Amino acid sequence: MPVLLTWIAPGTGYFFLKSPSRGALMGGISLLMFLLGLLMRGAFFDPQTGDLLTTVIYCGGWLGNMANGSLYLLAKALGYNAPDAAGHVIDYGTKFLVGSGLINILAMIDVFEIATGKKK
């Protein structure tokens, strides 16, 4: 249950496990990176296949975006769409969006280890 809560809303699984400081820190970092990625007009990945490198980049990026949970789903539902333009700021924004999901994956693993008693 706490892992699912962390996926839905980053950091909430920690609050469920009575660790509000960790929840605020991990949720805040994930939310800040996601918002910075949106402000930089970063693009979301869509899964694509083809050669090995294309599959790894696009499917991995899509999984990183999906790891943001409700943040990603809400942005897609509200029609967020990055401009189709080249530029380093847009590229950094894309990396921030995926990085936010990767931080949330680390939070989900941490919450799982706390919930199972492997970590305090």
PDB file of N, CA and C in Angstrom:
ATOM      1  N   MET A   1       0.808  -1.208   0.000  1.00  0.00           N
ATOM      2  CA  MET A   1       0.000   0.000   0.000  1.00  0.00           C
ATOM      3  C   MET A   1       0.856   1.280   0.000  1.00  0.00           C
ATOM      4  N   PRO A   2       1.897   1.385   0.836  1.00  0.00           N
ATOM      5  CA  PRO A   2       2.694   2.610   0.822  1.00  0.00           C
ATOM      6  C   PRO A   2       3.420   2.843  -0.510  1.00  0.00           C
ATOM      7  N   VAL A   3       3.830   1.753  -1.171  1.00  0.00           N
ATOM      8  CA  VAL A   3       4.512   1.899  -2.460  1.00  0.00           C
ATOM      9  C   VAL A   3       3.546   2.463  -3.494  1.00  0.00           C
ATOM     10  N   LEU A   4       2.328   1.975  -3.506  1.00  0.00           N
ATOM     11  CA  LEU A   4       1.311   2.489  -4.431  1.00  0.00           C
ATOM     12  C   LEU A   4       1.007   3.961  -4.140  1.00  0.00           C
ATOM     13  N   LEU A   5       0.930   4.310  -2.869  1.00  0.00           N
ATOM     14  CA  LEU A   5       0.706   5.716  -2.505  1.00  0.00           C
ATOM     15  C   LEU A   5       1.851   6.603  -2.982  1.00  0.00           C
ATOM     16  N   THR A   6       3.078   6.093  -2.885  1.00  0.00           N
ATOM     17  CA  THR A   6       4.235   6.866  -3.328  1.00  0.00           C
ATOM     18  C   THR A   6       4.211   7.048  -4.841  1.00  0.00           C
ATOM     19  N   TRP A   7       3.760   6.031  -5.569  1.00  0.00           N
ATOM     20  CA  TRP A   7       3.654   6.178  -7.017  1.00  0.00           C
ATOM     21  C   TRP A   7       2.572   7.183  -7.381  1.00  0.00           C
ATOM     22  N   ILE A   8       1.433   7.105  -6.722  1.00  0.00           N
ATOM     23  CA  ILE A   8       0.320   7.999  -7.048  1.00  0.00           C
ATOM     24  C   ILE A   8       0.694   9.448  -6.758  1.00  0.00           C
ATOM     25  N   ALA A   9       1.202   9.713  -5.581  1.00  0.00           N
ATOM     26  CA  ALA A   9       1.601  11.073  -5.201  1.00  0.00           C
ATOM     27  C   ALA A   9       2.952  10.975  -4.505  1.00  0.00           C
ATOM     28  N   PRO A  10       4.014  11.435  -5.156  1.00  0.00           N
ATOM     29  CA  PRO A  10       5.363  11.278  -4.600  1.00  0.00           C
ATOM     30  C   PRO A  10       5.480  11.751  -3.146  1.00  0.00           C
ATOM     31  N   GLY A  11       6.026  10.882  -2.311  1.00  0.00           N
ATOM     32  CA  GLY A  11       6.267  11.205  -0.909  1.00  0.00           C
ATOM     33  C   GLY A  11       5.186  10.774   0.051  1.00  0.00           C
ATOM     34  N   THR A  12       3.992  10.443  -0.437  1.00  0.00           N
ATOM     35  CA  THR A  12       2.890  10.139   0.482  1.00  0.00           C
ATOM     36  C   THR A  12       3.047   8.805   1.212  1.00  0.00           C
ATOM     37  N   GLY A  13       3.777   7.880   0.626  1.00  0.00           N
ATOM     38  CA  GLY A  13       4.001   6.593   1.301  1.00  0.00           C
ATOM     39  C   GLY A  13       4.762   6.759   2.598  1.00  0.00           C
ATOM     40  N   TYR A  14       5.658   7.741   2.647  1.00  0.00           N
ATOM     41  CA  TYR A  14       6.396   8.017   3.880  1.00  0.00           C
ATOM     42  C   TYR A  14       5.464   8.519   4.979  1.00  0.00           C
ATOM     43  N   PHE A  15       4.506   9.352   4.613  1.00  0.00           N
ATOM     44  CA  PHE A  15       3.548   9.842   5.608  1.00  0.00           C
ATOM     45  C   PHE A  15       2.724   8.684   6.162  1.00  0.00           C
ATOM     46  N   PHE A  16       2.379   7.720   5.299  1.00  0.00           N
ATOM     47  CA  PHE A  16       1.648   6.535   5.718  1.00  0.00           C
ATOM     48  C   PHE A  16       2.470   5.722   6.716  1.00  0.00           C
ATOM     49  N   LEU A  17       3.801   5.738   6.552  1.00  0.00           N
ATOM     50  CA  LEU A  17       4.697   4.986   7.432  1.00  0.00           C
ATOM     51  C   LEU A  17       5.223   5.821   8.599  1.00  0.00           C
ATOM     52  N   LYS A  18       4.608   6.968   8.836  1.00  0.00           N
ATOM     53  CA  LYS A  18       4.957   7.850   9.957  1.00  0.00           C
ATOM     54  C   LYS A  18       6.379   8.402   9.851  1.00  0.00           C
ATOM     55  N   SER A  19       6.778   8.791   8.637  1.00  0.00           N
ATOM     56  CA  SER A  19       8.080   9.410   8.414  1.00  0.00           C
ATOM     57  C   SER A  19       7.875  10.686   7.594  1.00  0.00           C
ATOM     58  N   PRO A  20       7.272  11.703   8.214  1.00  0.00           N
ATOM     59  CA  PRO A  20       6.897  12.895   7.449  1.00  0.00           C
ATOM     60  C   PRO A  20       8.073  13.710   6.915  1.00  0.00           C
ATOM     61  N   SER A  21       9.207  13.708   7.608  1.00  0.00           N
ATOM     62  CA  SER A  21      10.333  14.500   7.114  1.00  0.00           C
ATOM     63  C   SER A  21      10.883  13.909   5.811  1.00  0.00           C
ATOM     64  N   ARG A  22      11.000  12.593   5.757  1.00  0.00           N
ATOM     65  CA  ARG A  22      11.433  11.950   4.511  1.00  0.00           C
ATOM     66  C   ARG A  22      10.402  12.157   3.412  1.00  0.00           C
ATOM     67  N   GLY A  23       9.145  12.065   3.760  1.00  0.00           N
ATOM     68  CA  GLY A  23       8.083  12.258   2.778  1.00  0.00           C
ATOM     69  C   GLY A  23       8.101  13.648   2.186  1.00  0.00           C
ATOM     70  N   ALA A  24       8.279  14.639   3.043  1.00  0.00           N
ATOM     71  CA  ALA A  24       8.330  16.020   2.557  1.00  0.00           C
ATOM     72  C   ALA A  24       9.561  16.244   1.682  1.00  0.00           C
ATOM     73  N   LEU A  25      10.691  15.672   2.074  1.00  0.00           N
ATOM     74  CA  LEU A  25      11.915  15.844   1.300  1.00  0.00           C
ATOM     75  C   LEU A  25      11.819  15.164  -0.063  1.00  0.00           C
ATOM     76  N   MET A  26      11.471  13.885  -0.087  1.00  0.00           N
ATOM     77  CA  MET A  26      11.417  13.156  -1.357  1.00  0.00           C
ATOM     78  C   MET A  26      10.274  13.655  -2.246  1.00  0.00           C
ATOM     79  N   GLY A  27       9.125  13.912  -1.654  1.00  0.00           N
ATOM     80  CA  GLY A  27       8.006  14.443  -2.436  1.00  0.00           C
ATOM     81  C   GLY A  27       8.304  15.830  -2.978  1.00  0.00           C
ATOM     82  N   GLY A  28       8.938  16.667  -2.149  1.00  0.00           N
ATOM     83  CA  GLY A  28       9.279  18.020  -2.573  1.00  0.00           C
ATOM     84  C   GLY A  28      10.297  18.038  -3.693  1.00  0.00           C
ATOM     85  N   ILE A  29      11.319  17.185  -3.589  1.00  0.00           N
ATOM     86  CA  ILE A  29      12.334  17.119  -4.639  1.00  0.00           C
ATOM     87  C   ILE A  29      11.724  16.635  -5.946  1.00  0.00           C
ATOM     88  N   SER A  30      10.924  15.595  -5.866  1.00  0.00           N
ATOM     89  CA  SER A  30      10.306  15.046  -7.068  1.00  0.00           C
ATOM     90  C   SER A  30       9.361  16.067  -7.710  1.00  0.00           C
ATOM     91  N   LEU A  31       8.557  16.727  -6.902  1.00  0.00           N
ATOM     92  CA  LEU A  31       7.628  17.732  -7.414  1.00  0.00           C
ATOM     93  C   LEU A  31       8.370  18.924  -8.013  1.00  0.00           C
ATOM     94  N   LEU A  32       9.420  19.378  -7.347  1.00  0.00           N
ATOM     95  CA  LEU A  32      10.194  20.513  -7.853  1.00  0.00           C
ATOM     96  C   LEU A  32      10.843  20.180  -9.196  1.00  0.00           C
ATOM     97  N   MET A  33      11.434  18.992  -9.302  1.00  0.00           N
ATOM     98  CA  MET A  33      12.056  18.613 -10.575  1.00  0.00           C
ATOM     99  C   MET A  33      11.021  18.492 -11.679  1.00  0.00           C
ATOM    100  N   PHE A  34       9.850  17.953 -11.357  1.00  0.00           N
ATOM    101  CA  PHE A  34       8.800  17.816 -12.361  1.00  0.00           C
ATOM    102  C   PHE A  34       8.325  19.194 -12.832  1.00  0.00           C
ATOM    103  N   LEU A  35       8.099  20.102 -11.891  1.00  0.00           N
ATOM    104  CA  LEU A  35       7.647  21.445 -12.260  1.00  0.00           C
ATOM    105  C   LEU A  35       8.710  22.201 -13.054  1.00  0.00           C
ATOM    106  N   LEU A  36       9.980  22.060 -12.681  1.00  0.00           N
ATOM    107  CA  LEU A  36      11.048  22.693 -13.453  1.00  0.00           C
ATOM    108  C   LEU A  36      11.101  22.126 -14.874  1.00  0.00           C
ATOM    109  N   GLY A  37      10.904  20.827 -15.002  1.00  0.00           N
ATOM    110  CA  GLY A  37      10.863  20.212 -16.329  1.00  0.00           C
ATOM    111  C   GLY A  37       9.737  20.760 -17.179  1.00  0.00           C
ATOM    112  N   LEU A  38       8.572  20.966 -16.561  1.00  0.00           N
ATOM    113  CA  LEU A  38       7.444  21.551 -17.296  1.00  0.00           C
ATOM    114  C   LEU A  38       7.722  23.001 -17.672  1.00  0.00           C
ATOM    115  N   LEU A  39       8.299  23.754 -16.741  1.00  0.00           N
ATOM    116  CA  LEU A  39       8.601  25.159 -17.029  1.00  0.00           C
ATOM    117  C   LEU A  39       9.648  25.307 -18.126  1.00  0.00           C
ATOM    118  N   MET A  40      10.534  24.325 -18.257  1.00  0.00           N
ATOM    119  CA  MET A  40      11.532  24.349 -19.323  1.00  0.00           C
ATOM    120  C   MET A  40      10.964  23.779 -20.624  1.00  0.00           C
ATOM    121  N   ARG A  41       9.672  23.426 -20.602  1.00  0.00           N
ATOM    122  CA  ARG A  41       8.957  22.889 -21.760  1.00  0.00           C
ATOM    123  C   ARG A  41       9.548  21.570 -22.246  1.00  0.00           C
ATOM    124  N   GLY A  42       9.979  20.743 -21.284  1.00  0.00           N
ATOM    125  CA  GLY A  42      10.515  19.425 -21.618  1.00  0.00           C
ATOM    126  C   GLY A  42       9.447  18.538 -22.226  1.00  0.00           C
ATOM    127  N   ALA A  43       9.880  17.582 -23.013  1.00  0.00           N
ATOM    128  CA  ALA A  43       8.961  16.675 -23.707  1.00  0.00           C
ATOM    129  C   ALA A  43       8.792  15.380 -22.922  1.00  0.00           C
ATOM    130  N   PHE A  44       7.608  14.790 -23.046  1.00  0.00           N
ATOM    131  CA  PHE A  44       7.369  13.463 -22.506  1.00  0.00           C
ATOM    132  C   PHE A  44       7.740  12.444 -23.574  1.00  0.00           C
ATOM    133  N   PHE A  45       8.252  11.303 -23.141  1.00  0.00           N
ATOM    134  CA  PHE A  45       8.595  10.231 -24.064  1.00  0.00           C
ATOM    135  C   PHE A  45       7.366   9.380 -24.348  1.00  0.00           C
ATOM    136  N   ASP A  46       7.261   8.910 -25.562  1.00  0.00           N
ATOM    137  CA  ASP A  46       6.279   7.897 -25.945  1.00  0.00           C
ATOM    138  C   ASP A  46       7.062   6.650 -26.309  1.00  0.00           C
ATOM    139  N   PRO A  47       6.573   5.462 -25.909  1.00  0.00           N
ATOM    140  CA  PRO A  47       7.342   4.258 -26.209  1.00  0.00           C
ATOM    141  C   PRO A  47       7.446   4.033 -27.719  1.00  0.00           C
ATOM    142  N   GLN A  48       8.661   3.813 -28.176  1.00  0.00           N
ATOM    143  CA  GLN A  48       8.920   3.503 -29.578  1.00  0.00           C
ATOM    144  C   GLN A  48       9.880   2.334 -29.635  1.00  0.00           C
ATOM    145  N   THR A  49       9.728   1.549 -30.666  1.00  0.00           N
ATOM    146  CA  THR A  49      10.664   0.451 -30.875  1.00  0.00           C
ATOM    147  C   THR A  49      11.349   0.629 -32.214  1.00  0.00           C
ATOM    148  N   GLY A  50      12.345  -0.111 -32.415  1.00  0.00           N
ATOM    149  CA  GLY A  50      13.157  -0.038 -33.620  1.00  0.00           C
ATOM    150  C   GLY A  50      14.461  -0.728 -33.312  1.00  0.00           C
ATOM    151  N   ASP A  51      15.545  -0.007 -33.501  1.00  0.00           N
ATOM    152  CA  ASP A  51      16.831  -0.595 -33.109  1.00  0.00           C
ATOM    153  C   ASP A  51      16.951  -0.556 -31.584  1.00  0.00           C
ATOM    154  N   LEU A  52      17.968  -1.197 -31.066  1.00  0.00           N
ATOM    155  CA  LEU A  52      18.118  -1.358 -29.613  1.00  0.00           C
ATOM    156  C   LEU A  52      18.224  -0.025 -28.890  1.00  0.00           C
ATOM    157  N   LEU A  53      19.002   0.900 -29.423  1.00  0.00           N
ATOM    158  CA  LEU A  53      19.200   2.190 -28.765  1.00  0.00           C
ATOM    159  C   LEU A  53      17.897   2.992 -28.706  1.00  0.00           C
ATOM    160  N   THR A  54      17.148   3.004 -29.790  1.00  0.00           N
ATOM    161  CA  THR A  54      15.862   3.705 -29.808  1.00  0.00           C
ATOM    162  C   THR A  54      14.904   3.111 -28.789  1.00  0.00           C
ATOM    163  N   THR A  55      14.863   1.792 -28.724  1.00  0.00           N
ATOM    164  CA  THR A  55      13.969   1.115 -27.777  1.00  0.00           C
ATOM    165  C   THR A  55      14.349   1.452 -26.337  1.00  0.00           C
ATOM    166  N   VAL A  56      15.640   1.404 -26.024  1.00  0.00           N
ATOM    167  CA  VAL A  56      16.090   1.689 -24.661  1.00  0.00           C
ATOM    168  C   VAL A  56      15.787   3.133 -24.280  1.00  0.00           C
ATOM    169  N   ILE A  57      16.093   4.075 -25.172  1.00  0.00           N
ATOM    170  CA  ILE A  57      15.901   5.491 -24.853  1.00  0.00           C
ATOM    171  C   ILE A  57      14.422   5.831 -24.699  1.00  0.00           C
ATOM    172  N   TYR A  58      13.608   5.461 -25.676  1.00  0.00           N
ATOM    173  CA  TYR A  58      12.210   5.874 -25.644  1.00  0.00           C
ATOM    174  C   TYR A  58      11.365   5.083 -24.647  1.00  0.00           C
ATOM    175  N   CYS A  59      11.570   3.781 -24.565  1.00  0.00           N
ATOM    176  CA  CYS A  59      10.803   2.997 -23.584  1.00  0.00           C
ATOM    177  C   CYS A  59      11.273   3.293 -22.161  1.00  0.00           C
ATOM    178  N   GLY A  60      12.587   3.459 -21.982  1.00  0.00           N
ATOM    179  CA  GLY A  60      13.108   3.823 -20.662  1.00  0.00           C
ATOM    180  C   GLY A  60      12.651   5.205 -20.236  1.00  0.00           C
ATOM    181  N   GLY A  61      12.671   6.156 -21.156  1.00  0.00           N
ATOM    182  CA  GLY A  61      12.175   7.503 -20.854  1.00  0.00           C
ATOM    183  C   GLY A  61      10.697   7.509 -20.517  1.00  0.00           C
ATOM    184  N   TRP A  62       9.930   6.686 -21.239  1.00  0.00           N
ATOM    185  CA  TRP A  62       8.494   6.599 -20.962  1.00  0.00           C
ATOM    186  C   TRP A  62       8.251   6.007 -19.576  1.00  0.00           C
ATOM    187  N   LEU A  63       9.016   4.984 -19.215  1.00  0.00           N
ATOM    188  CA  LEU A  63       8.882   4.414 -17.864  1.00  0.00           C
ATOM    189  C   LEU A  63       9.272   5.430 -16.795  1.00  0.00           C
ATOM    190  N   GLY A  64      10.313   6.227 -17.075  1.00  0.00           N
ATOM    191  CA  GLY A  64      10.693   7.295 -16.146  1.00  0.00           C
ATOM    192  C   GLY A  64       9.588   8.323 -15.993  1.00  0.00           C
ATOM    193  N   ASN A  65       8.925   8.661 -17.090  1.00  0.00           N
ATOM    194  CA  ASN A  65       7.801   9.592 -17.012  1.00  0.00           C
ATOM    195  C   ASN A  65       6.627   8.981 -16.253  1.00  0.00           C
ATOM    196  N   MET A  66       6.330   7.710 -16.522  1.00  0.00           N
ATOM    197  CA  MET A  66       5.212   7.037 -15.846  1.00  0.00           C
ATOM    198  C   MET A  66       5.461   6.907 -14.350  1.00  0.00           C
ATOM    199  N   ALA A  67       6.713   6.864 -13.939  1.00  0.00           N
ATOM    200  CA  ALA A  67       7.043   6.730 -12.517  1.00  0.00           C
ATOM    201  C   ALA A  67       6.627   7.968 -11.726  1.00  0.00           C
ATOM    202  N   ASN A  68       6.318   9.062 -12.407  1.00  0.00           N
ATOM    203  CA  ASN A  68       5.840  10.262 -11.730  1.00  0.00           C
ATOM    204  C   ASN A  68       4.390  10.121 -11.266  1.00  0.00           C
ATOM    205  N   GLY A  69       3.716   9.079 -11.700  1.00  0.00           N
ATOM    206  CA  GLY A  69       2.364   8.796 -11.253  1.00  0.00           C
ATOM    207  C   GLY A  69       1.361   9.855 -11.650  1.00  0.00           C
ATOM    208  N   SER A  70       0.653  10.375 -10.668  1.00  0.00           N
ATOM    209  CA  SER A  70      -0.435  11.314 -10.944  1.00  0.00           C
ATOM    210  C   SER A  70       0.066  12.628 -11.532  1.00  0.00           C
ATOM    211  N   LEU A  71       1.316  13.009 -11.267  1.00  0.00           N
ATOM    212  CA  LEU A  71       1.848  14.232 -11.869  1.00  0.00           C
ATOM    213  C   LEU A  71       1.876  14.100 -13.388  1.00  0.00           C
ATOM    214  N   TYR A  72       2.369  12.972 -13.869  1.00  0.00           N
ATOM    215  CA  TYR A  72       2.427  12.717 -15.309  1.00  0.00           C
ATOM    216  C   TYR A  72       1.024  12.599 -15.892  1.00  0.00           C
ATOM    217  N   LEU A  73       0.178  11.808 -15.234  1.00  0.00           N
ATOM    218  CA  LEU A  73      -1.177  11.601 -15.745  1.00  0.00           C
ATOM    219  C   LEU A  73      -1.978  12.902 -15.780  1.00  0.00           C
ATOM    220  N   LEU A  74      -1.795  13.741 -14.776  1.00  0.00           N
ATOM    221  CA  LEU A  74      -2.487  15.024 -14.741  1.00  0.00           C
ATOM    222  C   LEU A  74      -1.997  15.952 -15.844  1.00  0.00           C
ATOM    223  N   ALA A  75      -0.694  16.008 -16.037  1.00  0.00           N
ATOM    224  CA  ALA A  75      -0.142  16.860 -17.097  1.00  0.00           C
ATOM    225  C   ALA A  75      -0.645  16.406 -18.466  1.00  0.00           C
ATOM    226  N   LYS A  76      -0.687  15.091 -18.700  1.00  0.00           N
ATOM    227  CA  LYS A  76      -1.194  14.578 -19.976  1.00  0.00           C
ATOM    228  C   LYS A  76      -2.690  14.861 -20.125  1.00  0.00           C
ATOM    229  N   ALA A  77      -3.446  14.697 -19.029  1.00  0.00           N
ATOM    230  CA  ALA A  77      -4.888  14.930 -19.087  1.00  0.00           C
ATOM    231  C   ALA A  77      -5.213  16.396 -19.344  1.00  0.00           C
ATOM    232  N   LEU A  78      -4.371  17.291 -18.842  1.00  0.00           N
ATOM    233  CA  LEU A  78      -4.596  18.718 -19.061  1.00  0.00           C
ATOM    234  C   LEU A  78      -4.057  19.192 -20.410  1.00  0.00           C
ATOM    235  N   GLY A  79      -3.527  18.264 -21.190  1.00  0.00           N
ATOM    236  CA  GLY A  79      -3.106  18.586 -22.548  1.00  0.00           C
ATOM    237  C   GLY A  79      -1.721  19.181 -22.680  1.00  0.00           C
ATOM    238  N   TYR A  80      -0.850  18.945 -21.692  1.00  0.00           N
ATOM    239  CA  TYR A  80       0.511  19.463 -21.805  1.00  0.00           C
ATOM    240  C   TYR A  80       1.184  18.843 -23.024  1.00  0.00           C
ATOM    241  N   ASN A  81       1.783  19.676 -23.835  1.00  0.00           N
ATOM    242  CA  ASN A  81       2.496  19.216 -25.013  1.00  0.00           C
ATOM    243  C   ASN A  81       3.666  20.148 -25.247  1.00  0.00           C
ATOM    244  N   ALA A  82       4.857  19.607 -25.261  1.00  0.00           N
ATOM    245  CA  ALA A  82       6.057  20.419 -25.459  1.00  0.00           C
ATOM    246  C   ALA A  82       6.147  20.842 -26.921  1.00  0.00           C
ATOM    247  N   PRO A  83       6.695  22.021 -27.170  1.00  0.00           N
ATOM    248  CA  PRO A  83       6.856  22.448 -28.563  1.00  0.00           C
ATOM    249  C   PRO A  83       7.874  21.562 -29.282  1.00  0.00           C
ATOM    250  N   ASP A  84       7.665  21.379 -30.560  1.00  0.00           N
ATOM    251  CA  ASP A  84       8.594  20.578 -31.350  1.00  0.00           C
ATOM    252  C   ASP A  84       9.698  21.492 -31.863  1.00  0.00           C
ATOM    253  N   ALA A  85      10.600  21.824 -30.960  1.00  0.00           N
ATOM    254  CA  ALA A  85      11.688  22.742 -31.297  1.00  0.00           C
ATOM    255  C   ALA A  85      12.974  22.216 -30.679  1.00  0.00           C
ATOM    256  N   ALA A  86      14.058  22.572 -31.305  1.00  0.00           N
ATOM    257  CA  ALA A  86      15.357  22.176 -30.778  1.00  0.00           C
ATOM    258  C   ALA A  86      15.848  23.227 -29.793  1.00  0.00           C
ATOM    259  N   GLY A  87      16.620  22.810 -28.850  1.00  0.00           N
ATOM    260  CA  GLY A  87      17.190  23.759 -27.891  1.00  0.00           C
ATOM    261  C   GLY A  87      17.657  23.038 -26.651  1.00  0.00           C
ATOM    262  N   HIS A  88      18.671  23.603 -26.036  1.00  0.00           N
ATOM    263  CA  HIS A  88      19.224  22.943 -24.858  1.00  0.00           C
ATOM    264  C   HIS A  88      18.299  23.042 -23.656  1.00  0.00           C
ATOM    265  N   VAL A  89      17.523  24.094 -23.531  1.00  0.00           N
ATOM    266  CA  VAL A  89      16.623  24.223 -22.379  1.00  0.00           C
ATOM    267  C   VAL A  89      15.540  23.150 -22.434  1.00  0.00           C
ATOM    268  N   ILE A  90      14.994  22.904 -23.614  1.00  0.00           N
ATOM    269  CA  ILE A  90      13.980  21.862 -23.769  1.00  0.00           C
ATOM    270  C   ILE A  90      14.572  20.495 -23.452  1.00  0.00           C
ATOM    271  N   ASP A  91      15.808  20.251 -23.890  1.00  0.00           N
ATOM    272  CA  ASP A  91      16.471  18.982 -23.583  1.00  0.00           C
ATOM    273  C   ASP A  91      16.671  18.806 -22.083  1.00  0.00           C
ATOM    274  N   TYR A  92      17.096  19.866 -21.395  1.00  0.00           N
ATOM    275  CA  TYR A  92      17.245  19.785 -19.943  1.00  0.00           C
ATOM    276  C   TYR A  92      15.893  19.549 -19.272  1.00  0.00           C
ATOM    277  N   GLY A  93      14.849  20.183 -19.758  1.00  0.00           N
ATOM    278  CA  GLY A  93      13.518  19.975 -19.211  1.00  0.00           C
ATOM    279  C   GLY A  93      13.074  18.532 -19.335  1.00  0.00           C
ATOM    280  N   THR A  94      13.378  17.914 -20.490  1.00  0.00           N
ATOM    281  CA  THR A  94      13.048  16.507 -20.693  1.00  0.00           C
ATOM    282  C   THR A  94      13.782  15.631 -19.692  1.00  0.00           C
ATOM    283  N   LYS A  95      15.043  15.953 -19.453  1.00  0.00           N
ATOM    284  CA  LYS A  95      15.835  15.178 -18.479  1.00  0.00           C
ATOM    285  C   LYS A  95      15.310  15.384 -17.062  1.00  0.00           C
ATOM    286  N   PHE A  96      14.856  16.586 -16.744  1.00  0.00           N
ATOM    287  CA  PHE A  96      14.280  16.847 -15.421  1.00  0.00           C
ATOM    288  C   PHE A  96      13.004  16.032 -15.224  1.00  0.00           C
ATOM    289  N   LEU A  97      12.171  15.925 -16.260  1.00  0.00           N
ATOM    290  CA  LEU A  97      10.927  15.160 -16.141  1.00  0.00           C
ATOM    291  C   LEU A  97      11.215  13.685 -15.885  1.00  0.00           C
ATOM    292  N   VAL A  98      12.185  13.128 -16.585  1.00  0.00           N
ATOM    293  CA  VAL A  98      12.545  11.723 -16.375  1.00  0.00           C
ATOM    294  C   VAL A  98      13.249  11.559 -15.027  1.00  0.00           C
ATOM    295  N   GLY A  99      14.122  12.502 -14.688  1.00  0.00           N
ATOM    296  CA  GLY A  99      14.832  12.443 -13.407  1.00  0.00           C
ATOM    297  C   GLY A  99      13.892  12.475 -12.221  1.00  0.00           C
ATOM    298  N   SER A 100      12.822  13.228 -12.352  1.00  0.00           N
ATOM    299  CA  SER A 100      11.814  13.271 -11.294  1.00  0.00           C
ATOM    300  C   SER A 100      11.200  11.891 -11.076  1.00  0.00           C
ATOM    301  N   GLY A 101      10.917  11.195 -12.167  1.00  0.00           N
ATOM    302  CA  GLY A 101      10.380   9.841 -12.057  1.00  0.00           C
ATOM    303  C   GLY A 101      11.382   8.876 -11.453  1.00  0.00           C
ATOM    304  N   LEU A 102      12.658   9.043 -11.797  1.00  0.00           N
ATOM    305  CA  LEU A 102      13.686   8.161 -11.239  1.00  0.00           C
ATOM    306  C   LEU A 102      13.838   8.377  -9.733  1.00  0.00           C
ATOM    307  N   ILE A 103      13.730   9.618  -9.306  1.00  0.00           N
ATOM    308  CA  ILE A 103      13.766   9.890  -7.858  1.00  0.00           C
ATOM    309  C   ILE A 103      12.558   9.256  -7.178  1.00  0.00           C
ATOM    310  N   ASN A 104      11.416   9.289  -7.844  1.00  0.00           N
ATOM    311  CA  ASN A 104      10.226   8.661  -7.268  1.00  0.00           C
ATOM    312  C   ASN A 104      10.391   7.141  -7.206  1.00  0.00           C
ATOM    313  N   ILE A 105      11.079   6.550  -8.184  1.00  0.00           N
ATOM    314  CA  ILE A 105      11.361   5.108  -8.112  1.00  0.00           C
ATOM    315  C   ILE A 105      12.236   4.804  -6.897  1.00  0.00           C
ATOM    316  N   LEU A 106      13.250   5.637  -6.655  1.00  0.00           N
ATOM    317  CA  LEU A 106      14.085   5.447  -5.456  1.00  0.00           C
ATOM    318  C   LEU A 106      13.248   5.569  -4.187  1.00  0.00           C
ATOM    319  N   ALA A 107      12.312   6.506  -4.186  1.00  0.00           N
ATOM    320  CA  ALA A 107      11.431   6.664  -3.021  1.00  0.00           C
ATOM    321  C   ALA A 107      10.554   5.428  -2.840  1.00  0.00           C
ATOM    322  N   MET A 108      10.051   4.862  -3.935  1.00  0.00           N
ATOM    323  CA  MET A 108       9.213   3.666  -3.836  1.00  0.00           C
ATOM    324  C   MET A 108      10.014   2.488  -3.280  1.00  0.00           C
ATOM    325  N   ILE A 109      11.262   2.346  -3.706  1.00  0.00           N
ATOM    326  CA  ILE A 109      12.115   1.277  -3.180  1.00  0.00           C
ATOM    327  C   ILE A 109      12.382   1.497  -1.693  1.00  0.00           C
ATOM    328  N   ASP A 110      12.661   2.737  -1.315  1.00  0.00           N
ATOM    329  CA  ASP A 110      12.914   3.071   0.082  1.00  0.00           C
ATOM    330  C   ASP A 110      11.686   2.789   0.942  1.00  0.00           C
ATOM    331  N   VAL A 111      10.519   3.185   0.464  1.00  0.00           N
ATOM    332  CA  VAL A 111       9.274   2.933   1.200  1.00  0.00           C
ATOM    333  C   VAL A 111       9.039   1.436   1.347  1.00  0.00           C
ATOM    334  N   PHE A 112       9.313   0.675   0.295  1.00  0.00           N
ATOM    335  CA  PHE A 112       9.147  -0.783   0.371  1.00  0.00           C
ATOM    336  C   PHE A 112      10.068  -1.381   1.423  1.00  0.00           C
ATOM    337  N   GLU A 113      11.321  -0.935   1.454  1.00  0.00           N
ATOM    338  CA  GLU A 113      12.267  -1.468   2.437  1.00  0.00           C
ATOM    339  C   GLU A 113      11.888  -1.085   3.863  1.00  0.00           C
ATOM    340  N   ILE A 114      11.352   0.117   4.034  1.00  0.00           N
ATOM    341  CA  ILE A 114      10.889   0.514   5.374  1.00  0.00           C
ATOM    342  C   ILE A 114       9.675  -0.319   5.781  1.00  0.00           C
ATOM    343  N   ALA A 115       8.747  -0.503   4.844  1.00  0.00           N
ATOM    344  CA  ALA A 115       7.512  -1.247   5.152  1.00  0.00           C
ATOM    345  C   ALA A 115       7.793  -2.718   5.462  1.00  0.00           C
ATOM    346  N   THR A 116       8.809  -3.291   4.830  1.00  0.00           N
ATOM    347  CA  THR A 116       9.119  -4.704   5.081  1.00  0.00           C
ATOM    348  C   THR A 116      10.089  -4.899   6.250  1.00  0.00           C
ATOM    349  N   GLY A 117      10.555  -3.813   6.840  1.00  0.00           N
ATOM    350  CA  GLY A 117      11.424  -3.905   8.002  1.00  0.00           C
ATOM    351  C   GLY A 117      12.891  -4.071   7.690  1.00  0.00           C
ATOM    352  N   LYS A 118      13.281  -3.958   6.432  1.00  0.00           N
ATOM    353  CA  LYS A 118      14.706  -4.056   6.060  1.00  0.00           C
ATOM    354  C   LYS A 118      15.472  -2.786   6.381  1.00  0.00           C
ATOM    355  N   LYS A 119      14.745  -1.705   6.613  1.00  0.00           N
ATOM    356  CA  LYS A 119      15.384  -0.411   6.860  1.00  0.00           C
ATOM    357  C   LYS A 119      14.521   0.352   7.855  1.00  0.00           C
ATOM    358  N   LYS A 120      15.153   1.224   8.616  1.00  0.00           N
ATOM    359  CA  LYS A 120      14.397   2.046   9.574  1.00  0.00           C
ATOM    360  C   LYS A 120      14.185   3.417   9.043  1.00  0.00           C
TER     361      LYS A 120
END
